Amino acid sequence: MTLDEAIEAYREKFGDTPTTMGVPMKLLDERGPEILQNAVEDGEPLTDDEFLRGLGLNPRPEGALT
């Protein structure tokens, strides 16, 4: 599944997607589809912080722009 397909499936299920601004595209392409697909299959939307942790990144500091 491509990143675009995973985003579309996630958006159809939950109405929105986690914020991806500032995340390196290479990382999104490599790990994003699996993370988003797993959330769709589990039926549980991800917070932005959960998505970032799934990508191996630190959550954004409180009050950071998203």
Protein backbone atom coordinates (compact mmCIF):
# COMPACT_ATOMS: atom_id res chain seq x y z
CA MET A 1 0.00 0.00 0.00
CA THR A 2 1.31 3.45 -0.86
CA LEU A 3 1.30 6.41 1.50
CA ASP A 4 -1.46 8.07 -0.53
CA GLU A 5 -3.63 4.94 -0.35
CA ALA A 6 -3.03 4.63 3.40
CA ILE A 7 -3.90 8.29 3.97
CA GLU A 8 -7.09 7.92 1.94
CA ALA A 9 -8.16 4.78 3.84
CA TYR A 10 -7.41 6.47 7.17
CA ARG A 11 -9.30 9.62 6.17
CA GLU A 12 -12.31 7.55 5.05
CA LYS A 13 -12.38 5.70 8.39
CA PHE A 14 -11.70 8.60 10.76
CA GLY A 15 -12.42 11.79 8.78
CA ASP A 16 -8.94 13.27 9.23
CA THR A 17 -5.31 12.23 9.42
CA PRO A 18 -2.50 12.81 11.91
CA THR A 19 -0.38 15.86 11.18
CA THR A 20 2.53 15.09 8.88
CA MET A 21 3.96 18.61 8.55
CA GLY A 22 7.66 18.62 9.33
CA VAL A 23 8.06 14.84 9.01
CA PRO A 24 10.69 13.81 6.44
CA MET A 25 8.98 12.46 3.31
CA LYS A 26 11.32 9.47 3.13
CA LEU A 27 10.25 8.41 6.63
CA LEU A 28 6.57 8.90 5.80
CA ASP A 29 6.91 6.82 2.64
CA GLU A 30 8.77 4.03 4.43
CA ARG A 31 6.79 3.68 7.67
CA GLY A 32 3.64 5.77 7.36
CA PRO A 33 1.54 3.33 5.32
CA GLU A 34 1.95 0.50 7.83
CA ILE A 35 1.20 2.71 10.83
CA LEU A 36 -1.91 4.21 9.24
CA GLN A 37 -3.13 0.85 7.94
CA ASN A 38 -2.74 -0.73 11.37
CA ALA A 39 -4.81 2.06 12.92
CA VAL A 40 -7.56 1.53 10.34
CA GLU A 41 -7.57 -2.21 10.96
CA ASP A 42 -7.61 -1.68 14.75
CA GLY A 43 -10.40 0.87 14.47
CA GLU A 44 -8.53 3.34 16.69
CA PRO A 45 -7.47 6.75 15.38
CA LEU A 46 -3.98 7.97 16.22
CA THR A 47 -3.09 11.17 17.99
CA ASP A 48 -0.36 13.22 16.36
CA ASP A 49 2.04 12.16 19.12
CA GLU A 50 1.22 8.46 18.66
CA PHE A 51 1.84 8.78 14.93
CA LEU A 52 5.18 10.52 15.50
CA ARG A 53 6.27 7.89 18.04
CA GLY A 54 5.29 5.17 15.56
CA LEU A 55 7.61 6.80 13.04
CA GLY A 56 10.39 6.79 15.63
CA LEU A 57 10.22 10.55 16.24
CA ASN A 58 9.70 12.53 19.42
CA PRO A 59 6.31 14.10 20.00
CA ARG A 60 6.05 17.83 19.33
CA PRO A 61 6.53 20.08 22.35
CA GLU A 62 3.33 21.30 23.98
CA GLY A 63 2.09 24.42 22.24
CA ALA A 64 3.99 23.72 19.01
CA LEU A 65 2.20 24.60 15.81
CA THR A 66 0.72 21.66 13.93
